[in-house]
Amino acid sequence: MTGATEVSPLARRELALVDLLDRLLAGGVVITGDVTLRIADVDLVRIDLNALISSVGAQVRSPWEEAV
């Protein structure tokens, strides 16, 4: 046995940001979060975030298209 540690092929795999976004949007992403701005235990601002981000195919009609 040698002192070198083996690294799995997946650990060294590089992934471009565009490829990552393409994979995420293909399946859809749900983002949720809460942000609270507080001073001296008094809540001043609270923001709740709920977002669904997904890609849409060309077959799906836009609900904002004018009827012809």
Protein backbone atom coordinates (compact mmCIF):
# COMPACT_ATOMS: atom_id res chain seq x y z
CA MET A 1 0.00 0.00 0.00
CA THR A 2 1.36 3.41 -0.92
CA GLY A 3 1.05 6.69 0.97
CA ALA A 4 -0.79 8.37 -1.94
CA THR A 5 -4.52 8.79 -1.59
CA GLU A 6 -6.74 8.00 -4.52
CA VAL A 7 -9.10 10.68 -5.80
CA SER A 8 -12.34 9.57 -7.42
CA PRO A 9 -12.89 10.69 -11.03
CA LEU A 10 -16.00 12.67 -10.00
CA ALA A 11 -14.04 14.74 -7.48
CA ARG A 12 -11.73 16.11 -10.19
CA ARG A 13 -14.47 16.72 -12.76
CA GLU A 14 -14.87 20.39 -13.69
CA LEU A 15 -18.31 21.74 -14.44
CA ALA A 16 -18.87 25.04 -16.22
CA LEU A 17 -21.42 27.45 -14.78
CA VAL A 18 -23.44 27.29 -18.00
CA ASP A 19 -23.65 23.50 -17.75
CA LEU A 20 -24.72 23.72 -14.11
CA LEU A 21 -27.47 26.25 -14.93
CA ASP A 22 -28.64 24.10 -17.85
CA ARG A 23 -28.99 21.06 -15.59
CA LEU A 24 -30.78 23.01 -12.87
CA LEU A 25 -33.23 24.71 -15.22
CA ALA A 26 -34.02 21.46 -17.03
CA GLY A 27 -35.51 20.07 -13.82
CA GLY A 28 -36.49 23.33 -12.14
CA VAL A 29 -35.25 24.99 -8.98
CA VAL A 30 -37.19 26.15 -5.94
CA ILE A 31 -35.58 28.90 -3.87
CA THR A 32 -36.93 29.79 -0.44
CA GLY A 33 -35.51 32.01 2.23
CA ASP A 34 -36.14 34.50 5.01
CA VAL A 35 -34.17 37.65 5.77
CA THR A 36 -34.78 39.71 8.91
CA LEU A 37 -33.09 43.00 9.72
CA ARG A 38 -33.05 43.36 13.50
CA ILE A 39 -31.59 46.01 15.80
CA ALA A 40 -31.67 45.57 19.60
CA ASP A 41 -34.04 42.60 19.29
CA VAL A 42 -36.56 44.68 17.33
CA ASP A 43 -37.48 43.37 13.86
CA LEU A 44 -37.30 46.29 11.44
CA VAL A 45 -37.56 44.55 8.05
CA ARG A 46 -38.58 41.02 7.15
CA ILE A 47 -38.40 39.61 3.64
CA ASP A 48 -39.78 36.18 2.68
CA LEU A 49 -38.60 34.75 -0.64
CA ASN A 50 -40.34 31.97 -2.55
CA ALA A 51 -39.29 31.51 -6.17
CA LEU A 52 -39.66 28.78 -8.79
CA ILE A 53 -37.18 28.96 -11.65
CA SER A 54 -37.62 26.62 -14.59
CA SER A 55 -37.09 26.53 -18.33
CA VAL A 56 -40.02 26.54 -20.74
CA GLY A 57 -40.08 24.71 -24.06
CA ALA A 58 -41.16 26.24 -27.36
CA GLN A 59 -44.33 24.11 -27.32
CA VAL A 60 -45.72 25.97 -24.30
CA ARG A 61 -47.73 29.03 -25.30
CA SER A 62 -47.25 32.28 -23.45
CA PRO A 63 -50.29 33.38 -21.42
CA TRP A 64 -49.58 36.99 -22.48
CA GLU A 65 -49.80 36.44 -26.25
CA GLU A 66 -52.57 38.31 -27.98
CA ALA A 67 -55.32 36.09 -29.36
CA VAL A 68 -55.36 36.14 -33.16
